[in-house]
Amino acid sequence: MPLYEHVMIARQDLSSAQAEGLMDHFTAIISDNGGTIAMTEYWGVKTMAYKI
């Protein structure tokens, strides 16, 4: 089975609780569609070097 790595970029004004909720939301979507989550890492809320 192939393994995929994803990094999520969200709005800068998200709180830590909202960012964790977003991660839980996408974990549920993957699980509901037959995928499995092997590992998660929460990096916290970071500031990007450049505006996207």
Protein backbone atom coordinates (compact mmCIF):
# COMPACT_ATOMS: atom_id res chain seq x y z
CA MET A 1 0.00 0.00 0.00
CA PRO A 2 1.42 3.41 -0.91
CA LEU A 3 2.08 5.92 1.86
CA TYR A 4 1.34 9.64 1.45
CA GLU A 5 2.52 12.62 3.47
CA HIS A 6 0.40 15.76 3.80
CA VAL A 7 1.06 19.18 5.28
CA MET A 8 -1.97 21.40 5.91
CA ILE A 9 -1.71 25.17 5.59
CA ALA A 10 -4.55 27.16 7.13
CA ARG A 11 -5.34 30.75 7.98
CA GLN A 12 -2.84 32.52 10.20
CA ASP A 13 -5.47 33.69 12.70
CA LEU A 14 -6.50 30.15 13.73
CA SER A 15 -6.19 29.31 17.40
CA SER A 16 -4.43 26.12 18.47
CA ALA A 17 -7.80 24.53 19.32
CA GLN A 18 -9.18 25.36 15.86
CA ALA A 19 -6.05 23.95 14.20
CA GLU A 20 -6.41 20.70 16.14
CA GLY A 21 -10.11 20.59 15.18
CA LEU A 22 -9.11 20.98 11.53
CA MET A 23 -6.68 18.08 11.87
CA ASP A 24 -9.41 15.94 13.48
CA HIS A 25 -11.81 16.87 10.67
CA PHE A 26 -9.43 15.73 7.92
CA THR A 27 -8.54 12.58 9.88
CA ALA A 28 -12.27 11.72 9.98
CA ILE A 29 -12.63 12.33 6.21
CA ILE A 30 -9.72 10.01 5.45
CA SER A 31 -11.04 7.32 7.81
CA ASP A 32 -14.59 7.57 6.42
CA ASN A 33 -13.25 6.92 2.92
CA GLY A 34 -11.32 3.78 3.87
CA GLY A 35 -7.94 5.33 4.58
CA THR A 36 -5.84 4.87 7.67
CA ILE A 37 -3.69 7.37 9.54
CA ALA A 38 -0.31 5.85 10.40
CA MET A 39 1.06 8.86 12.30
CA THR A 40 0.23 12.49 13.00
CA GLU A 41 2.48 15.35 14.09
CA TYR A 42 1.10 18.63 15.34
CA TRP A 43 3.59 21.38 14.59
CA GLY A 44 1.54 24.14 16.19
CA VAL A 45 0.61 27.45 14.65
CA LYS A 46 3.55 28.82 12.67
CA THR A 47 4.09 32.06 10.76
CA MET A 48 5.04 31.61 7.11
CA ALA A 49 8.12 33.39 5.80
CA TYR A 50 6.17 34.81 2.86
CA LYS A 51 2.52 35.72 2.36
CA ILE A 52 0.70 33.14 0.24
